[in-house]
Amino acid sequence: MCRILAYLGEPLPLKTLLFDTDNSLVRQSYNPRMMNTFLNLAGFGMKVWNPTSLRPEDPFTYRSTTLPSFDRNLRSISSKLAPTCLLAHVRGVTYSGDAVVAETNLHPFHFAGARVVLAHNGHLRQFSRMRYALLEHVRPELAQRIEGTTDSEWIYALVLSQLDDPYGIPGTRELGDATATALRILRRLREAYGIDTSSPANLCLSTGRAMVATRFSFDYGWYPAQDEMLETDLPFVSLWYAIGGEYRPHGGDWQMTASDPPRSAIIASEPLTMQFSRWLEVPEYSMLTAELTPEGLLFETRDLDV
């Protein structure tokens, strides 16, 4: 099962988030604490927004099918960047002859010209049965841009198709509503095709100034005995966050400083530190939204009634 990391707030060294903490995202690729049997060895990808860069509205992109722990280029880049927004992902697949490890399947997904990117932690089981039924709900020009073999890229195209302008910059509320609508469409199609196997859909989307994250699963707990991705190893596909002012080392650990209003937030599949007490667990069946404003970070939690 994949791992997601998102950051929105004041400039923060990228190395801090990817490498420095004792449960950093790179460490989670080979030693995830909240998964007993799965490794995330199918590649790494990230989108980074830096306001001091050329064309700051366009994120810096890095993707590689190699292991991030041995990626010297990634380590070098991370020591030079201090983004205000990050969406990063390590991809996990089960050992199977059907698994496709390729750059086109790496998250975050981002169609050329679009201002929204998406990463997914989860798996829509039996997706092949309903894949092409989604074409009714996906704009043709977006469907033509799907290059990979993952359910996640289809979810991305589906969410974009629910926006008034899939190539514009949606407000935080519109992006959250489009995400919820996409989940409702997926639920209806699953019911239409008689698919009731547990299927997690932890999504994280960002525009560089706003972020939306879901902790959600269709039909949680129902799966065939032979399924290799049993949620018994995954405590409801975990999602956590830390919110405050500045993320920095303190007393041998890393933590957010206090701030009112908050100025920064980290959202992650697992806390970035072994010490969990300074992290908050995202409620099941809920959505987080965050937006950078001149006054600070607007952060909300809402129920996902889909």
Protein backbone atom coordinates (compact mmCIF):
# COMPACT_ATOMS: atom_id res chain seq x y z
CA MET A 1 0.00 0.00 0.00
CA CYS A 2 1.38 3.40 -0.99
CA ARG A 3 2.42 6.22 1.32
CA ILE A 4 1.49 9.91 0.84
CA LEU A 5 3.08 13.06 2.21
CA ALA A 6 1.69 16.57 1.77
CA TYR A 7 2.85 19.91 3.13
CA LEU A 8 1.35 23.40 2.95
CA GLY A 9 2.71 26.42 4.78
CA GLU A 10 5.84 28.46 5.35
CA PRO A 11 9.00 27.53 3.37
CA LEU A 12 10.41 24.29 4.80
CA PRO A 13 13.55 22.43 3.70
CA LEU A 14 12.48 19.48 1.59
CA LYS A 15 15.18 17.34 3.18
CA THR A 16 13.36 17.65 6.50
CA LEU A 17 10.23 16.00 5.15
CA LEU A 18 11.83 13.33 2.96
CA PHE A 19 14.95 12.28 4.88
CA ASP A 20 15.65 13.89 8.27
CA THR A 21 12.92 12.64 10.60
CA ASP A 22 13.07 9.16 12.13
CA ASN A 23 10.00 8.01 10.18
CA SER A 24 10.47 10.12 7.07
CA LEU A 25 8.70 9.37 3.81
CA VAL A 26 11.82 7.81 2.31
CA ARG A 27 12.17 5.53 5.35
CA GLN A 28 8.52 4.52 4.93
CA SER A 29 9.34 3.19 1.46
CA TYR A 30 11.29 0.28 2.97
CA ASN A 31 10.27 0.23 6.64
CA PRO A 32 6.67 1.44 7.02
CA ARG A 33 5.57 1.24 10.64
CA MET A 34 1.85 0.92 9.95
CA MET A 35 2.04 -1.90 7.43
CA ASN A 36 3.13 -5.31 8.64
CA THR A 37 3.81 -6.99 5.32
CA PHE A 38 4.03 -4.43 2.52
CA LEU A 39 6.96 -2.49 1.10
CA ASN A 40 6.68 0.50 -1.23
CA LEU A 41 9.26 -0.30 -3.86
CA ALA A 42 7.47 0.66 -7.10
CA GLY A 43 8.77 4.21 -7.40
CA PHE A 44 8.71 7.75 -6.03
CA GLY A 45 7.19 10.99 -7.27
CA MET A 46 6.66 14.52 -6.03
CA LYS A 47 5.33 17.94 -6.97
CA VAL A 48 6.98 20.92 -5.29
CA TRP A 49 5.83 24.56 -5.32
CA ASN A 50 8.48 27.18 -4.58
CA PRO A 51 7.39 30.85 -4.73
CA THR A 52 10.95 32.04 -5.46
CA SER A 53 11.35 29.84 -8.54
CA LEU A 54 10.68 30.72 -12.17
CA ARG A 55 6.93 30.44 -12.92
CA PRO A 56 6.10 29.70 -9.26
CA GLU A 57 2.57 28.63 -10.21
CA ASP A 58 4.04 25.60 -12.01
CA PRO A 59 5.29 22.88 -9.66
CA PHE A 60 8.71 21.28 -9.91
CA THR A 61 8.32 17.61 -10.85
CA TYR A 62 10.47 14.64 -9.87
CA ARG A 63 9.63 11.01 -10.64
CA SER A 64 11.74 7.87 -10.57
CA THR A 65 11.07 4.14 -10.51
CA THR A 66 14.25 3.61 -8.48
CA LEU A 67 14.22 3.35 -4.69
CA PRO A 68 14.25 6.84 -3.12
CA SER A 69 16.55 5.70 -0.32
CA PHE A 70 19.36 5.16 -2.87
CA ASP A 71 18.49 8.11 -5.10
CA ARG A 72 21.41 10.55 -4.86
CA ASN A 73 19.72 12.99 -7.21
CA LEU A 74 16.68 13.17 -4.94
CA ARG A 75 18.83 13.66 -1.86
CA SER A 76 20.79 16.45 -3.59
CA ILE A 77 17.65 18.21 -4.82
CA SER A 78 15.98 17.97 -1.42
CA SER A 79 18.89 19.80 0.21
CA LYS A 80 18.38 22.78 -2.11
CA LEU A 81 14.59 23.26 -2.09
CA ALA A 82 12.39 24.84 0.58
CA PRO A 83 8.83 24.62 -0.75
CA THR A 84 5.64 26.18 0.55
CA CYS A 85 3.71 23.22 -0.85
CA LEU A 86 4.64 19.60 -1.48
CA LEU A 87 2.79 16.50 -2.58
CA ALA A 88 4.97 13.36 -2.54
CA HIS A 89 4.21 9.68 -2.93
CA VAL A 90 5.95 6.32 -2.69
CA ARG A 91 4.16 3.62 -4.67
CA GLY A 92 3.50 0.17 -3.37
CA VAL A 93 2.26 -2.82 -5.36
CA THR A 94 1.83 -6.45 -4.41
CA TYR A 95 4.09 -9.01 -6.04
CA SER A 96 2.21 -10.00 -9.17
CA GLY A 97 2.82 -10.64 -12.81
CA ASP A 98 0.10 -8.07 -13.52
CA ALA A 99 1.82 -5.19 -11.68
CA VAL A 100 3.26 -2.52 -13.97
CA VAL A 101 6.17 -0.51 -12.56
CA ALA A 102 6.61 2.42 -14.93
CA GLU A 103 7.00 6.18 -14.81
CA THR A 104 3.51 6.65 -16.27
CA ASN A 105 2.07 4.98 -13.16
CA LEU A 106 3.88 7.18 -10.64
CA HIS A 107 2.01 9.73 -8.56
CA PRO A 108 1.24 12.59 -8.23
CA PHE A 109 -0.75 12.74 -11.46
CA HIS A 110 -0.76 16.01 -13.36
CA PHE A 111 -2.11 16.56 -16.86
CA ALA A 112 -0.36 19.27 -18.88
CA GLY A 113 -2.10 22.61 -18.41
CA ALA A 114 -4.07 21.53 -15.35
CA ARG A 115 -3.51 23.31 -12.02
CA VAL A 116 -4.59 20.43 -9.77
CA VAL A 117 -2.43 17.39 -8.94
CA LEU A 118 -3.50 14.18 -7.20
CA ALA A 119 -1.94 11.29 -5.29
CA HIS A 120 -3.80 8.19 -4.09
CA ASN A 121 -3.19 5.69 -1.33
CA GLY A 122 -5.48 2.75 -1.86
CA HIS A 123 -6.81 0.35 -4.42
CA LEU A 124 -10.16 0.16 -6.21
CA ARG A 125 -10.61 -3.59 -6.38
CA GLN A 126 -12.10 -5.07 -9.55
CA PHE A 127 -11.57 -1.72 -11.20
CA SER A 128 -11.25 -3.26 -14.65
CA ARG A 129 -14.94 -4.20 -14.54
CA MET A 130 -16.05 -0.57 -14.19
CA ARG A 131 -13.17 1.32 -15.83
CA TYR A 132 -14.84 2.19 -19.11
CA ALA A 133 -18.17 3.03 -17.50
CA LEU A 134 -16.32 6.05 -16.09
CA LEU A 135 -16.04 7.49 -19.60
CA GLU A 136 -19.59 8.77 -19.22
CA HIS A 137 -18.37 10.96 -16.34
CA VAL A 138 -14.92 11.98 -17.64
CA ARG A 139 -14.47 14.76 -20.19
CA PRO A 140 -13.23 13.28 -23.49
CA GLU A 141 -10.20 15.57 -23.67
CA LEU A 142 -9.16 14.37 -20.21
CA ALA A 143 -9.79 10.69 -20.92
CA GLN A 144 -7.43 10.98 -23.88
CA ARG A 145 -4.62 12.09 -21.55
CA ILE A 146 -4.65 8.95 -19.40
CA GLU A 147 -1.34 7.22 -20.10
CA GLY A 148 -0.86 4.65 -17.35
CA THR A 149 -2.63 1.53 -16.10
CA THR A 150 -3.69 2.64 -12.61
CA ASP A 151 -7.11 3.28 -11.14
CA SER A 152 -5.58 6.39 -9.54
CA GLU A 153 -5.08 8.20 -12.84
CA TRP A 154 -8.73 7.56 -13.72
CA ILE A 155 -9.76 9.01 -10.35
CA TYR A 156 -7.66 12.09 -11.17
CA ALA A 157 -9.40 12.54 -14.54
CA LEU A 158 -12.77 12.01 -12.84
CA VAL A 159 -12.12 14.70 -10.21
CA LEU A 160 -10.92 17.20 -12.83
CA SER A 161 -14.07 16.53 -14.83
CA GLN A 162 -16.24 17.66 -11.91
CA LEU A 163 -14.62 21.13 -11.85
CA ASP A 164 -16.19 24.06 -13.69
CA ASP A 165 -12.86 24.51 -15.46
CA PRO A 166 -10.50 21.51 -15.26
CA TYR A 167 -7.61 23.76 -16.31
CA GLY A 168 -8.39 26.61 -13.93
CA ILE A 169 -7.47 27.11 -10.28
CA PRO A 170 -10.45 25.94 -8.21
CA GLY A 171 -11.20 27.35 -4.80
CA THR A 172 -10.76 25.06 -1.84
CA ARG A 173 -14.50 24.48 -1.49
CA GLU A 174 -14.92 23.68 -5.19
CA LEU A 175 -11.99 21.25 -5.13
CA GLY A 176 -13.40 19.51 -2.05
CA ASP A 177 -16.86 19.29 -3.60
CA ALA A 178 -15.45 17.88 -6.86
CA THR A 179 -13.57 15.22 -4.89
CA ALA A 180 -16.71 14.22 -2.96
CA THR A 181 -18.72 14.10 -6.20
CA ALA A 182 -16.10 11.82 -7.78
CA LEU A 183 -16.36 9.44 -4.82
CA ARG A 184 -20.14 9.38 -5.18
CA ILE A 185 -19.83 8.48 -8.86
CA LEU A 186 -17.43 5.67 -8.01
CA ARG A 187 -19.83 4.35 -5.37
CA ARG A 188 -22.76 4.34 -7.81
CA LEU A 189 -20.75 2.48 -10.45
CA ARG A 190 -19.50 -0.05 -7.92
CA GLU A 191 -23.10 -0.73 -6.92
CA ALA A 192 -24.17 -0.98 -10.56
CA TYR A 193 -21.49 -3.61 -11.25
CA GLY A 194 -22.01 -5.48 -7.99
CA ILE A 195 -18.56 -4.60 -6.60
CA ASP A 196 -18.55 -4.66 -2.81
CA THR A 197 -14.95 -5.57 -1.97
CA SER A 198 -13.17 -3.25 0.46
CA SER A 199 -11.44 -0.48 -1.53
CA PRO A 200 -9.53 2.35 0.16
CA ALA A 201 -9.53 5.79 -1.46
CA ASN A 202 -7.26 8.07 0.53
CA LEU A 203 -6.79 10.95 -1.88
CA CYS A 204 -4.65 14.08 -1.64
CA LEU A 205 -5.04 16.95 -4.12
CA SER A 206 -3.32 20.30 -4.33
CA THR A 207 -3.10 23.48 -6.40
CA GLY A 208 -0.02 24.82 -4.61
CA ARG A 209 -2.15 27.21 -2.55
CA ALA A 210 -4.86 24.81 -1.40
CA MET A 211 -5.01 21.17 -0.40
CA VAL A 212 -7.73 18.54 0.00
CA ALA A 213 -7.21 15.11 1.61
CA THR A 214 -9.64 12.26 2.26
CA ARG A 215 -9.58 9.28 4.57
CA PHE A 216 -12.13 7.01 3.00
CA SER A 217 -12.86 3.42 2.01
CA PHE A 218 -15.64 1.81 0.03
CA ASP A 219 -17.18 -1.22 1.77
CA TYR A 220 -14.49 -1.34 4.43
CA GLY A 221 -13.84 -4.80 5.84
CA TRP A 222 -15.39 -6.90 3.04
CA TYR A 223 -12.81 -8.84 1.05
CA PRO A 224 -12.27 -12.37 -0.24
CA ALA A 225 -10.05 -14.64 1.82
CA GLN A 226 -7.48 -14.96 -0.97
CA ASP A 227 -6.99 -11.18 -1.31
CA GLU A 228 -3.36 -10.20 -0.66
CA MET A 229 -4.15 -6.65 0.45
CA LEU A 230 -6.05 -7.39 3.63
CA GLU A 231 -6.94 -4.34 5.72
CA THR A 232 -6.15 -6.38 8.81
CA ASP A 233 -2.59 -5.16 8.19
CA LEU A 234 -3.74 -1.58 7.58
CA PRO A 235 -5.55 0.26 10.39
CA PHE A 236 -8.22 1.72 8.12
CA VAL A 237 -5.56 2.96 5.68
CA SER A 238 -4.00 5.40 8.09
CA LEU A 239 -3.83 9.19 7.67
CA TRP A 240 -2.39 11.71 10.14
CA TYR A 241 -1.65 15.42 10.34
CA ALA A 242 0.33 17.97 12.30
CA ILE A 243 -0.58 21.65 12.28
CA GLY A 244 0.99 24.77 13.76
CA GLY A 245 3.72 27.23 12.94
CA GLU A 246 7.16 25.88 12.06
CA TYR A 247 8.22 22.24 11.86
CA ARG A 248 11.64 21.94 13.49
CA PRO A 249 13.77 19.77 15.81
CA HIS A 250 13.18 20.12 19.54
CA GLY A 251 14.61 18.00 22.35
CA GLY A 252 15.82 15.28 20.00
CA ASP A 253 12.50 15.08 18.17
CA TRP A 254 10.67 17.01 15.46
CA GLN A 255 7.49 18.92 16.16
CA MET A 256 5.29 21.81 15.07
CA THR A 257 5.62 25.00 17.05
CA ALA A 258 2.39 26.54 18.32
CA SER A 259 0.70 29.17 16.20
CA ASP A 260 -2.71 30.82 16.25
CA PRO A 261 -3.80 31.02 13.52
CA PRO A 262 -1.81 28.07 12.15
CA ARG A 263 0.70 28.75 9.38
CA SER A 264 1.70 25.24 8.27
CA ALA A 265 0.28 21.72 8.06
CA ILE A 266 1.68 18.27 7.25
CA ILE A 267 -0.60 15.45 6.13
CA ALA A 268 0.90 11.97 5.92
CA SER A 269 -0.07 8.31 5.74
CA GLU A 270 2.09 7.85 8.84
CA PRO A 271 3.50 10.35 11.33
CA LEU A 272 7.00 11.40 10.28
CA THR A 273 8.28 10.64 13.77
CA MET A 274 8.26 7.54 15.96
CA GLN A 275 6.69 9.72 18.64
CA PHE A 276 2.99 9.87 17.70
CA SER A 277 1.76 12.12 20.51
CA ARG A 278 2.29 15.34 18.55
CA TRP A 279 0.25 14.09 15.59
CA LEU A 280 -3.54 13.95 15.12
CA GLU A 281 -5.28 11.06 13.39
CA VAL A 282 -7.62 12.06 10.58
CA PRO A 283 -11.14 10.79 11.40
CA GLU A 284 -12.47 7.95 9.28
CA TYR A 285 -14.76 9.01 6.42
CA SER A 286 -13.66 12.62 6.53
CA MET A 287 -12.00 15.30 4.42
CA LEU A 288 -9.32 17.81 5.37
CA THR A 289 -9.06 21.13 3.53
CA ALA A 290 -6.28 23.69 3.87
CA GLU A 291 -5.67 27.01 2.14
CA LEU A 292 -2.85 29.53 2.36
CA THR A 293 -4.08 33.08 3.03
CA PRO A 294 -2.29 36.33 4.03
CA GLU A 295 -3.67 35.82 7.55
CA GLY A 296 -2.42 32.26 7.88
CA LEU A 297 -3.62 28.76 7.07
CA LEU A 298 -7.35 28.08 6.84
CA PHE A 299 -7.77 24.47 7.96
CA GLU A 300 -11.03 22.54 8.24
CA THR A 301 -12.30 19.01 8.74
CA ARG A 302 -15.60 17.93 7.22
CA ASP A 303 -17.55 14.67 7.15
CA LEU A 304 -17.59 12.72 3.89
CA ASP A 305 -21.23 11.80 3.36
CA VAL A 306 -20.91 9.92 0.09
